[in-house]
Structures are given as C-alpha cells and as structure tokens.
Amino acid sequence: MFVQGGTLIMADHSRISDTTALRGGVYNVGTVMMSDDASVTGNTATTSSNDRDGQGGGIYDEDQGKLTFENRATITHNTTRPVTESTGQGGGIYGAGPSSLPQRRGQPAHRLIMSRAPVSRRVPLRRAGQH
C-alpha cells in the first residue's frame, strides 16, 4: 500500500498482510494511523539494485511520514530479504528520516507516536545513516 500525501486509517481489526514488495506492506510518505487491533503482519520487503529497497518489511516510513499506533495496534512477523549490509533493515518499521525531531517551519520532520500499543520481542532499531 502506497500512502503519498494522504492519510491511511486502519481500525477495527483491519489488516495489511502477506504482501511482497520493494518496500514492504506500507510505503508511507503521508500519515498512517493504526488503532483498535489493526495490524500489519506477514509482509516482506524484497531487494533490487536500489539501496533503499528491501527495507521496512512492515512499514517503510519516509522522512516526512507520520506514524501513530494506539489501542493494541500491532506490527508483527514482517521480514526483509537482505542482499547487502545497507539493505534488509527494519523488518517491522524502517524510518528513512532523521532520528531526532528537528523543527522545520514549525513541523517535526519525522514523528512516531505510540499509545497503548505493545512492543514485544525487542530488537535493535537502526535508522538510515545510524549504526
């Protein structure tokens, strides 16, 4: 699913699952809001010759994207197929933007909001350009 400049709202057990794409289940350049048991599960990001492909098995979030997870929204069992060290990152979520929240004309460049959304099976988080 490609979200560009708009908003994807997932609620009431809605699901994006079992897709295979260069940038996973959701490629976000807009806003994704998940709540009430919505899930992104079982998706795979594949690789090509582009270094950014094969990242974000569940959600690939561009630097201007905004993600909100509330009320038991889950991202589970997503994978990547790495070819090089720079591909295959972010099985659940890959954030392509800066890791901090700098202000750009009053707006944060990249935002992740979580409320009553469980995090389990913790794994290291790597952002583009960070080790």
N, C-alpha and C. Protein backbone atom coordinates (compact mmCIF):
# COMPACT_ATOMS: atom_id res chain seq x y z
N MET A 1 0.84 -1.16 0.00
CA MET A 1 0.00 0.00 0.00
C MET A 1 0.90 1.23 0.00
N PHE A 2 0.68 2.16 -0.91
CA PHE A 2 1.47 3.38 -1.02
C PHE A 2 0.64 4.55 -0.52
N VAL A 3 1.14 5.24 0.51
CA VAL A 3 0.45 6.40 1.08
C VAL A 3 1.29 7.62 0.76
N GLN A 4 0.79 8.50 -0.12
CA GLN A 4 1.55 9.68 -0.52
C GLN A 4 0.70 10.93 -0.31
N GLY A 5 1.08 11.72 0.69
CA GLY A 5 0.41 12.97 0.93
C GLY A 5 -0.97 12.86 1.55
N GLY A 6 -1.49 11.67 1.72
CA GLY A 6 -2.81 11.48 2.31
C GLY A 6 -2.69 10.77 3.65
N THR A 7 -3.81 10.21 4.09
CA THR A 7 -3.86 9.52 5.37
C THR A 7 -4.47 8.13 5.20
N LEU A 8 -3.79 7.13 5.72
CA LEU A 8 -4.32 5.76 5.79
C LEU A 8 -4.77 5.54 7.22
N ILE A 9 -6.06 5.26 7.42
CA ILE A 9 -6.59 4.98 8.75
C ILE A 9 -6.96 3.51 8.82
N MET A 10 -6.35 2.80 9.75
CA MET A 10 -6.64 1.38 9.96
C MET A 10 -7.22 1.22 11.36
N ALA A 11 -8.41 0.64 11.46
CA ALA A 11 -9.06 0.45 12.75
C ALA A 11 -9.92 -0.80 12.71
N ASP A 12 -10.45 -1.18 13.88
CA ASP A 12 -11.41 -2.29 13.99
C ASP A 12 -10.93 -3.57 13.30
N HIS A 13 -9.76 -4.03 13.70
CA HIS A 13 -9.20 -5.30 13.22
C HIS A 13 -8.83 -5.28 11.73
N SER A 14 -8.68 -4.12 11.12
CA SER A 14 -8.24 -4.09 9.72
C SER A 14 -6.80 -4.59 9.65
N ARG A 15 -6.41 -5.07 8.46
CA ARG A 15 -5.14 -5.77 8.36
C ARG A 15 -4.52 -5.59 6.98
N ILE A 16 -3.23 -5.37 6.94
CA ILE A 16 -2.45 -5.44 5.71
C ILE A 16 -1.50 -6.60 5.92
N SER A 17 -1.64 -7.65 5.09
CA SER A 17 -0.86 -8.85 5.36
C SER A 17 -0.45 -9.57 4.09
N ASP A 18 0.62 -10.35 4.24
CA ASP A 18 1.07 -11.30 3.23
C ASP A 18 1.38 -10.66 1.88
N THR A 19 2.02 -9.48 1.90
CA THR A 19 2.45 -8.85 0.65
C THR A 19 3.96 -8.98 0.49
N THR A 20 4.42 -8.90 -0.72
CA THR A 20 5.84 -8.84 -1.02
C THR A 20 6.06 -7.67 -1.96
N ALA A 21 6.91 -6.73 -1.56
CA ALA A 21 7.16 -5.53 -2.35
C ALA A 21 8.55 -5.00 -2.03
N LEU A 22 9.03 -4.05 -2.83
CA LEU A 22 10.36 -3.49 -2.60
C LEU A 22 10.45 -2.75 -1.27
N ARG A 23 9.33 -2.21 -0.80
CA ARG A 23 9.33 -1.51 0.47
C ARG A 23 8.21 -1.98 1.39
N GLY A 24 7.99 -3.25 1.43
CA GLY A 24 7.11 -3.88 2.40
C GLY A 24 5.62 -3.64 2.24
N GLY A 25 4.88 -3.86 3.34
CA GLY A 25 3.43 -3.79 3.33
C GLY A 25 2.88 -2.39 3.12
N VAL A 26 3.49 -1.38 3.77
CA VAL A 26 3.05 0.00 3.63
C VAL A 26 4.28 0.86 3.33
N TYR A 27 4.21 1.64 2.26
CA TYR A 27 5.25 2.63 1.93
C TYR A 27 4.63 3.99 2.23
N ASN A 28 5.08 4.64 3.30
CA ASN A 28 4.44 5.84 3.81
C ASN A 28 5.22 7.11 3.53
N VAL A 29 4.56 8.03 2.80
CA VAL A 29 5.09 9.38 2.60
C VAL A 29 4.06 10.37 3.14
N GLY A 30 3.02 9.87 3.79
CA GLY A 30 1.95 10.71 4.33
C GLY A 30 1.77 10.43 5.81
N THR A 31 0.57 9.97 6.16
CA THR A 31 0.23 9.69 7.55
C THR A 31 -0.43 8.32 7.64
N VAL A 32 0.04 7.49 8.57
CA VAL A 32 -0.59 6.20 8.85
C VAL A 32 -1.03 6.22 10.30
N MET A 33 -2.32 5.96 10.51
CA MET A 33 -2.89 5.90 11.85
C MET A 33 -3.49 4.51 12.05
N MET A 34 -3.00 3.79 13.07
CA MET A 34 -3.49 2.44 13.35
C MET A 34 -4.04 2.41 14.77
N SER A 35 -5.23 1.79 14.94
CA SER A 35 -5.79 1.65 16.28
C SER A 35 -6.75 0.47 16.33
N ASP A 36 -7.19 0.15 17.53
CA ASP A 36 -8.22 -0.86 17.77
C ASP A 36 -7.94 -2.19 17.07
N ASP A 37 -6.79 -2.78 17.42
CA ASP A 37 -6.39 -4.11 16.95
C ASP A 37 -6.08 -4.18 15.45
N ALA A 38 -5.80 -3.07 14.82
CA ALA A 38 -5.35 -3.10 13.42
C ALA A 38 -3.95 -3.71 13.39
N SER A 39 -3.59 -4.35 12.26
CA SER A 39 -2.28 -4.98 12.20
C SER A 39 -1.67 -4.91 10.81
N VAL A 40 -0.35 -4.90 10.82
CA VAL A 40 0.46 -5.06 9.61
C VAL A 40 1.31 -6.29 9.91
N THR A 41 1.05 -7.39 9.19
CA THR A 41 1.67 -8.65 9.56
C THR A 41 1.98 -9.53 8.35
N GLY A 42 3.08 -10.27 8.44
CA GLY A 42 3.43 -11.25 7.42
C GLY A 42 3.87 -10.67 6.09
N ASN A 43 4.38 -9.44 6.07
CA ASN A 43 4.82 -8.80 4.83
C ASN A 43 6.32 -8.93 4.66
N THR A 44 6.78 -8.84 3.41
CA THR A 44 8.21 -8.98 3.11
C THR A 44 8.67 -7.87 2.18
N ALA A 45 9.78 -7.25 2.53
CA ALA A 45 10.43 -6.27 1.65
C ALA A 45 11.52 -7.00 0.88
N THR A 46 11.49 -6.90 -0.44
CA THR A 46 12.49 -7.56 -1.28
C THR A 46 13.52 -6.54 -1.75
N THR A 47 14.56 -7.00 -2.39
CA THR A 47 15.64 -6.10 -2.81
C THR A 47 15.74 -6.01 -4.32
N SER A 48 16.34 -4.90 -4.76
CA SER A 48 16.70 -4.68 -6.16
C SER A 48 18.05 -4.00 -6.14
N SER A 49 18.38 -3.25 -7.15
CA SER A 49 19.68 -2.58 -7.19
C SER A 49 19.68 -1.28 -6.39
N ASN A 50 18.53 -0.80 -5.94
CA ASN A 50 18.42 0.44 -5.18
C ASN A 50 18.71 0.15 -3.71
N ASP A 51 19.60 0.94 -3.09
CA ASP A 51 19.95 0.71 -1.69
C ASP A 51 18.78 0.83 -0.73
N ARG A 52 17.75 1.58 -1.08
CA ARG A 52 16.62 1.74 -0.17
C ARG A 52 15.59 0.62 -0.30
N ASP A 53 15.67 -0.17 -1.32
CA ASP A 53 14.74 -1.28 -1.46
C ASP A 53 15.13 -2.39 -0.49
N GLY A 54 14.17 -3.22 -0.14
CA GLY A 54 14.45 -4.32 0.78
C GLY A 54 14.48 -3.89 2.22
N GLN A 55 13.94 -2.72 2.52
CA GLN A 55 13.91 -2.22 3.89
C GLN A 55 12.46 -1.96 4.29
N GLY A 56 12.16 -2.16 5.56
CA GLY A 56 10.81 -1.91 6.05
C GLY A 56 9.82 -2.98 5.65
N GLY A 57 10.00 -4.18 6.15
CA GLY A 57 9.11 -5.27 5.80
C GLY A 57 7.64 -4.97 6.10
N GLY A 58 7.37 -4.38 7.26
CA GLY A 58 6.00 -4.00 7.62
C GLY A 58 5.66 -2.61 7.09
N ILE A 59 6.46 -1.61 7.51
CA ILE A 59 6.23 -0.22 7.09
C ILE A 59 7.56 0.42 6.75
N TYR A 60 7.65 1.01 5.56
CA TYR A 60 8.78 1.85 5.17
C TYR A 60 8.29 3.29 5.29
N ASP A 61 8.88 4.06 6.20
CA ASP A 61 8.42 5.41 6.50
C ASP A 61 9.44 6.43 6.03
N GLU A 62 9.07 7.23 5.03
CA GLU A 62 9.95 8.30 4.55
C GLU A 62 10.10 9.37 5.61
N ASP A 63 11.09 10.28 5.44
CA ASP A 63 11.37 11.27 6.48
C ASP A 63 10.22 12.22 6.76
N GLN A 64 9.33 12.47 5.82
CA GLN A 64 8.20 13.34 6.09
C GLN A 64 6.96 12.58 6.56
N GLY A 65 7.08 11.28 6.73
CA GLY A 65 5.94 10.46 7.16
C GLY A 65 5.63 10.62 8.63
N LYS A 66 4.41 10.29 8.99
CA LYS A 66 3.97 10.33 10.39
C LYS A 66 3.26 9.01 10.68
N LEU A 67 3.64 8.37 11.78
CA LEU A 67 3.05 7.09 12.19
C LEU A 67 2.42 7.25 13.57
N THR A 68 1.20 6.75 13.73
CA THR A 68 0.53 6.76 15.02
C THR A 68 -0.04 5.37 15.28
N PHE A 69 0.30 4.78 16.45
CA PHE A 69 -0.19 3.46 16.85
C PHE A 69 -0.88 3.60 18.19
N GLU A 70 -2.14 3.17 18.28
CA GLU A 70 -2.90 3.26 19.52
C GLU A 70 -3.74 2.00 19.73
N ASN A 71 -4.12 1.76 20.96
CA ASN A 71 -5.09 0.72 21.32
C ASN A 71 -4.84 -0.64 20.66
N ARG A 72 -3.72 -1.22 21.00
CA ARG A 72 -3.37 -2.58 20.57
C ARG A 72 -3.09 -2.74 19.09
N ALA A 73 -2.70 -1.70 18.41
CA ALA A 73 -2.25 -1.83 17.02
C ALA A 73 -0.94 -2.60 17.03
N THR A 74 -0.76 -3.51 16.07
CA THR A 74 0.44 -4.35 16.07
C THR A 74 1.10 -4.41 14.70
N ILE A 75 2.40 -4.60 14.75
CA ILE A 75 3.21 -4.85 13.55
C ILE A 75 4.02 -6.09 13.89
N THR A 76 3.69 -7.21 13.25
CA THR A 76 4.31 -8.48 13.62
C THR A 76 4.67 -9.32 12.41
N HIS A 77 5.66 -10.18 12.58
CA HIS A 77 6.05 -11.20 11.62
C HIS A 77 6.33 -10.66 10.22
N ASN A 78 6.94 -9.48 10.15
CA ASN A 78 7.36 -8.91 8.87
C ASN A 78 8.85 -9.15 8.71
N THR A 79 9.31 -9.29 7.47
CA THR A 79 10.71 -9.62 7.23
C THR A 79 11.27 -8.80 6.07
N THR A 80 12.59 -8.87 5.94
CA THR A 80 13.29 -8.29 4.80
C THR A 80 14.18 -9.36 4.19
N ARG A 81 14.53 -9.17 2.93
CA ARG A 81 15.46 -10.08 2.26
C ARG A 81 16.72 -9.31 1.92
N PRO A 82 17.71 -9.31 2.81
CA PRO A 82 18.92 -8.53 2.58
C PRO A 82 19.82 -9.11 1.49
N VAL A 83 20.43 -8.21 0.73
CA VAL A 83 21.44 -8.59 -0.26
C VAL A 83 22.79 -8.03 0.19
N THR A 84 22.79 -6.80 0.69
CA THR A 84 24.00 -6.17 1.21
C THR A 84 23.70 -5.66 2.62
N GLU A 85 24.74 -5.11 3.28
CA GLU A 85 24.55 -4.58 4.62
C GLU A 85 23.58 -3.40 4.64
N SER A 86 23.52 -2.63 3.54
CA SER A 86 22.64 -1.46 3.51
C SER A 86 21.21 -1.80 3.13
N THR A 87 20.93 -3.06 2.83
CA THR A 87 19.55 -3.46 2.55
C THR A 87 19.11 -4.44 3.62
N GLY A 88 17.84 -4.71 3.69
CA GLY A 88 17.34 -5.69 4.64
C GLY A 88 17.17 -5.19 6.05
N GLN A 89 17.10 -3.89 6.25
CA GLN A 89 16.94 -3.33 7.59
C GLN A 89 15.47 -3.03 7.87
N GLY A 90 15.09 -3.06 9.13
CA GLY A 90 13.75 -2.68 9.53
C GLY A 90 12.68 -3.70 9.19
N GLY A 91 12.77 -4.88 9.74
CA GLY A 91 11.77 -5.90 9.48
C GLY A 91 10.36 -5.43 9.78
N GLY A 92 10.16 -4.74 10.91
CA GLY A 92 8.85 -4.21 11.27
C GLY A 92 8.62 -2.83 10.69
N ILE A 93 9.48 -1.87 11.07
CA ILE A 93 9.40 -0.49 10.60
C ILE A 93 10.80 -0.02 10.22
N TYR A 94 10.92 0.61 9.07
CA TYR A 94 12.17 1.28 8.70
C TYR A 94 11.88 2.76 8.54
N GLY A 95 12.56 3.60 9.32
CA GLY A 95 12.41 5.05 9.23
C GLY A 95 13.56 5.62 8.43
N ALA A 96 13.27 6.19 7.27
CA ALA A 96 14.32 6.70 6.38
C ALA A 96 14.77 8.11 6.75
N GLY A 97 14.11 8.74 7.68
CA GLY A 97 14.43 10.13 8.02
C GLY A 97 15.38 10.24 9.18
N PRO A 98 15.57 11.46 9.66
CA PRO A 98 16.46 11.69 10.80
C PRO A 98 15.90 11.07 12.07
N SER A 99 16.78 10.73 13.01
CA SER A 99 16.34 10.06 14.22
C SER A 99 15.84 11.04 15.27
N SER A 100 16.15 12.32 15.15
CA SER A 100 15.65 13.30 16.10
C SER A 100 14.41 13.97 15.50
N LEU A 101 13.83 14.89 16.23
CA LEU A 101 12.64 15.58 15.76
C LEU A 101 12.93 17.06 15.56
N PRO A 102 13.73 17.43 14.55
CA PRO A 102 14.02 18.84 14.34
C PRO A 102 12.79 19.58 13.82
N GLN A 103 12.70 20.86 14.14
CA GLN A 103 11.59 21.67 13.67
C GLN A 103 11.90 22.21 12.27
N ARG A 104 10.98 22.03 11.36
CA ARG A 104 11.05 22.61 10.03
C ARG A 104 9.82 23.48 9.84
N ARG A 105 10.01 24.77 9.99
CA ARG A 105 8.88 25.70 9.88
C ARG A 105 7.72 25.27 10.77
N GLY A 106 8.05 24.92 12.00
CA GLY A 106 7.02 24.56 12.96
C GLY A 106 6.54 23.13 12.92
N GLN A 107 7.06 22.30 12.02
CA GLN A 107 6.61 20.91 11.90
C GLN A 107 7.79 19.96 12.11
N PRO A 108 7.59 18.88 12.89
CA PRO A 108 8.65 17.89 13.01
C PRO A 108 8.88 17.17 11.69
N ALA A 109 10.13 16.84 11.42
CA ALA A 109 10.47 16.17 10.16
C ALA A 109 10.00 14.73 10.14
N HIS A 110 9.99 14.09 11.29
CA HIS A 110 9.64 12.67 11.35
C HIS A 110 9.01 12.40 12.70
N ARG A 111 7.91 11.71 12.74
CA ARG A 111 7.22 11.52 14.00
C ARG A 111 6.67 10.10 14.13
N LEU A 112 6.89 9.50 15.30
CA LEU A 112 6.30 8.21 15.66
C LEU A 112 5.61 8.39 17.00
N ILE A 113 4.31 8.12 17.04
CA ILE A 113 3.53 8.27 18.27
C ILE A 113 2.95 6.91 18.62
N MET A 114 3.15 6.47 19.88
CA MET A 114 2.60 5.20 20.33
C MET A 114 1.85 5.41 21.62
N SER A 115 0.64 4.87 21.70
CA SER A 115 -0.17 4.97 22.91
C SER A 115 -0.94 3.66 23.08
N ARG A 116 -0.71 2.97 24.19
CA ARG A 116 -1.33 1.67 24.44
C ARG A 116 -1.11 0.69 23.29
N ALA A 117 0.07 0.76 22.69
CA ALA A 117 0.46 -0.17 21.63
C ALA A 117 1.65 -0.97 22.15
N PRO A 118 1.50 -2.28 22.33
CA PRO A 118 2.57 -3.07 22.93
C PRO A 118 3.79 -3.20 22.03
N VAL A 119 4.95 -3.24 22.67
CA VAL A 119 6.21 -3.52 21.97
C VAL A 119 6.73 -4.82 22.56
N SER A 120 6.94 -5.82 21.72
CA SER A 120 7.42 -7.10 22.22
C SER A 120 8.56 -7.60 21.36
N ARG A 121 9.29 -8.55 21.91
CA ARG A 121 10.46 -9.12 21.22
C ARG A 121 11.34 -8.00 20.69
N ARG A 122 11.85 -7.22 21.61
CA ARG A 122 12.66 -6.06 21.26
C ARG A 122 13.86 -6.46 20.42
N VAL A 123 14.10 -5.68 19.39
CA VAL A 123 15.27 -5.85 18.55
C VAL A 123 15.92 -4.49 18.35
N PRO A 124 17.20 -4.44 18.03
CA PRO A 124 17.85 -3.14 17.84
C PRO A 124 17.18 -2.34 16.71
N LEU A 125 17.03 -1.05 16.94
CA LEU A 125 16.45 -0.15 15.95
C LEU A 125 17.58 0.58 15.25
N ARG A 126 17.62 0.48 13.93
CA ARG A 126 18.63 1.20 13.14
C ARG A 126 17.90 2.16 12.21
N ARG A 127 18.38 3.36 12.17
CA ARG A 127 17.83 4.36 11.28
C ARG A 127 18.85 4.61 10.18
N ALA A 128 18.40 5.14 9.07
CA ALA A 128 19.29 5.42 7.95
C ALA A 128 20.45 6.28 8.44
N GLY A 129 21.65 5.88 8.12
CA GLY A 129 22.84 6.64 8.50
C GLY A 129 23.28 6.45 9.93
N GLN A 130 22.66 5.59 10.69
CA GLN A 130 23.00 5.36 12.09
C GLN A 130 23.45 3.92 12.29
N HIS A 131 24.41 3.73 13.17
CA HIS A 131 24.88 2.37 13.46
C HIS A 131 24.83 2.12 14.95
